[in-house]
């Protein structure tokens, strides 16, 4: 049976584990020397990867696939699932940002706001978060690159 934790409980658990380690940070690990400098280099000619400007690019990360994803084989446009379940703007929004993700964002935002600002923090609610995310989408649609979000708020 799984147990749900609040964001505050998770943060406390993480911080208690981080500070309870027995390891002495001043001790040097075996086989590790501060004198040895490791410089990560790669042979630019060996890789042969270049960006659009012709500059050599570093090798791909081992965590990232080296080739792009294969093209979609389905027809372009919305999927069957989205056609059935997207009844309005809100239901389409919740396909991307689930209520549980929204709750976590709100908890963490308010936790950080109280930590940074203190009593002057105005608690963010779901309406504010949805409005802000809508502005981010609007900025992307209208290519408002570099424009302050505050200037979009009063549209």
Protein backbone atom coordinates (compact mmCIF):
# COMPACT_ATOMS: atom_id res chain seq x y z
CA UNK A 1 0.00 0.00 0.00
CA UNK A 2 1.45 3.36 -0.99
CA UNK A 3 1.40 6.41 1.23
CA UNK A 4 1.10 9.97 0.00
CA UNK A 5 3.32 12.68 1.43
CA UNK A 6 2.95 16.44 1.38
CA UNK A 7 5.65 18.53 -0.22
CA UNK A 8 6.75 19.79 3.20
CA UNK A 9 7.16 16.23 4.51
CA UNK A 10 9.26 15.29 1.50
CA UNK A 11 11.50 18.34 1.91
CA UNK A 12 12.01 17.61 5.63
CA UNK A 13 12.89 13.98 4.88
CA UNK A 14 15.34 14.96 2.17
CA UNK A 15 17.03 17.55 4.36
CA UNK A 16 17.25 15.23 7.36
CA UNK A 17 18.92 12.56 5.19
CA UNK A 18 21.32 15.07 3.68
CA UNK A 19 22.59 16.26 7.06
CA UNK A 20 22.65 12.92 8.86
CA UNK A 21 25.38 11.30 6.76
CA UNK A 22 28.33 10.02 8.78
CA UNK A 23 30.81 10.95 6.09
CA UNK A 24 33.22 13.71 6.94
CA UNK A 25 33.34 16.14 4.02
CA UNK A 26 36.96 17.04 4.90
CA UNK A 27 38.17 13.45 4.42
CA UNK A 28 39.68 12.66 1.06
CA UNK A 29 38.28 9.60 -0.64
CA UNK A 30 40.69 6.77 -1.38
CA UNK A 31 42.33 6.99 -4.77
CA UNK A 32 41.24 10.59 -5.31
CA UNK A 33 43.78 13.34 -5.43
CA UNK A 34 43.19 17.06 -5.70
CA UNK A 35 46.41 17.42 -7.70
CA UNK A 36 45.13 15.35 -10.59
CA UNK A 37 43.07 17.46 -12.93
CA UNK A 38 40.87 15.62 -15.34
CA UNK A 39 40.11 17.52 -18.49
CA UNK A 40 37.29 16.09 -20.53
CA UNK A 41 38.33 16.40 -24.14
CA UNK A 42 37.13 14.84 -27.31
CA UNK A 43 38.54 14.53 -30.75
CA UNK A 44 36.58 16.95 -32.91
CA UNK A 45 37.62 15.20 -36.10
CA UNK A 46 36.81 11.75 -34.72
CA UNK A 47 33.21 12.59 -33.97
CA UNK A 48 32.56 14.56 -37.13
CA UNK A 49 29.45 16.18 -35.60
CA UNK A 50 28.93 19.79 -36.57
CA UNK A 51 26.21 22.30 -35.87
CA UNK A 52 24.66 24.61 -38.48
CA UNK A 53 27.50 27.10 -38.27
CA UNK A 54 30.08 24.37 -38.97
CA UNK A 55 31.45 24.28 -35.42
CA UNK A 56 32.27 20.87 -33.94
CA UNK A 57 29.80 19.76 -31.28
CA UNK A 58 30.52 17.62 -28.22
CA UNK A 59 29.61 13.94 -28.31
CA UNK A 60 26.05 13.10 -27.34
CA UNK A 61 25.22 12.38 -23.71
CA UNK A 62 25.01 8.68 -22.83
CA UNK A 63 21.55 9.42 -21.45
CA UNK A 64 20.24 10.86 -24.69
CA UNK A 65 19.57 8.86 -27.83
CA UNK A 66 22.14 9.63 -30.51
CA UNK A 67 19.59 9.70 -33.31
CA UNK A 68 16.36 11.66 -33.45
CA UNK A 69 13.08 9.91 -32.83
CA UNK A 70 11.56 8.21 -35.83
CA UNK A 71 8.80 10.15 -37.56
CA UNK A 72 5.26 9.56 -36.38
CA UNK A 73 3.44 6.97 -38.44
CA UNK A 74 -0.03 8.16 -37.50
CA UNK A 75 -2.03 10.87 -39.19
CA UNK A 76 -1.25 14.46 -38.18
CA UNK A 77 -3.53 16.21 -35.73
CA UNK A 78 -5.17 15.27 -32.44
CA UNK A 79 -5.18 11.67 -31.27
CA UNK A 80 -8.33 9.61 -30.81
CA UNK A 81 -7.95 9.93 -27.04
CA UNK A 82 -7.81 13.72 -27.14
CA UNK A 83 -10.78 13.93 -29.52
CA UNK A 84 -12.89 11.91 -27.08
CA UNK A 85 -11.69 13.48 -23.81
CA UNK A 86 -11.10 17.15 -24.69
CA UNK A 87 -14.52 18.70 -24.23
CA UNK A 88 -13.39 22.23 -23.42
CA UNK A 89 -10.25 24.26 -22.79
CA UNK A 90 -9.94 23.11 -19.17
CA UNK A 91 -10.20 19.40 -20.00
CA UNK A 92 -7.59 19.82 -22.75
CA UNK A 93 -5.32 21.65 -20.28
CA UNK A 94 -5.64 18.84 -17.73
CA UNK A 95 -4.38 16.34 -20.32
CA UNK A 96 -1.00 18.06 -20.00
CA UNK A 97 -1.05 19.27 -16.40
CA UNK A 98 -2.85 16.77 -14.19
CA UNK A 99 -4.46 17.91 -10.93
CA UNK A 100 -1.75 16.12 -8.93
CA UNK A 101 1.02 17.95 -10.83
CA UNK A 102 -0.86 21.22 -10.37
CA UNK A 103 -1.10 20.56 -6.62
CA UNK A 104 2.65 19.86 -6.39
CA UNK A 105 3.49 23.04 -8.32
CA UNK A 106 1.25 25.08 -6.01
CA UNK A 107 2.69 23.54 -2.84
CA UNK A 108 6.30 24.04 -3.94
CA UNK A 109 5.66 27.58 -5.24
CA UNK A 110 4.01 28.63 -1.99
CA UNK A 111 6.71 26.92 0.08
CA UNK A 112 9.46 28.74 -1.82
CA UNK A 113 7.52 32.03 -1.71
CA UNK A 114 7.16 31.83 2.06
CA UNK A 115 10.82 30.88 2.40
CA UNK A 116 12.10 33.74 0.21
CA UNK A 117 9.61 36.53 0.92
CA UNK A 118 8.11 35.56 4.26
CA UNK A 119 4.95 37.29 5.45
CA UNK A 120 4.80 39.44 2.32
CA UNK A 121 4.09 36.38 0.14
CA UNK A 122 0.61 36.29 -1.38
CA UNK A 123 -0.45 32.64 -1.51
CA UNK A 124 -0.82 31.38 -5.09
CA UNK A 125 -3.98 29.43 -5.83
CA UNK A 126 -5.06 27.24 -8.75
CA UNK A 127 -6.68 30.19 -10.55
CA UNK A 128 -3.42 32.20 -10.47
CA UNK A 129 -1.39 29.20 -11.63
CA UNK A 130 -3.73 28.44 -14.53
CA UNK A 131 -3.73 32.09 -15.57
CA UNK A 132 0.07 32.20 -15.49
CA UNK A 133 0.40 28.99 -17.49
CA UNK A 134 -2.11 30.36 -19.97
CA UNK A 135 0.04 33.46 -20.39
CA UNK A 136 3.08 31.30 -21.04
CA UNK A 137 1.14 29.48 -23.76
CA UNK A 138 -0.07 32.79 -25.16
CA UNK A 139 3.48 34.13 -25.23
CA UNK A 140 4.55 31.06 -27.19
CA UNK A 141 1.69 31.32 -29.65
CA UNK A 142 2.29 34.99 -30.37
CA UNK A 143 6.08 34.58 -30.26
CA UNK A 144 6.44 37.12 -27.47
CA UNK A 145 10.11 36.28 -26.99
CA UNK A 146 11.79 38.61 -24.55
CA UNK A 147 8.55 40.34 -23.64
CA UNK A 148 7.94 40.62 -19.91
CA UNK A 149 5.21 38.32 -18.62
CA UNK A 150 3.84 41.23 -16.58
CA UNK A 151 3.09 43.10 -19.80
CA UNK A 152 1.01 40.14 -21.04
CA UNK A 153 -0.92 39.90 -17.77
CA UNK A 154 -3.14 42.91 -18.50
CA UNK A 155 -4.30 41.87 -21.98
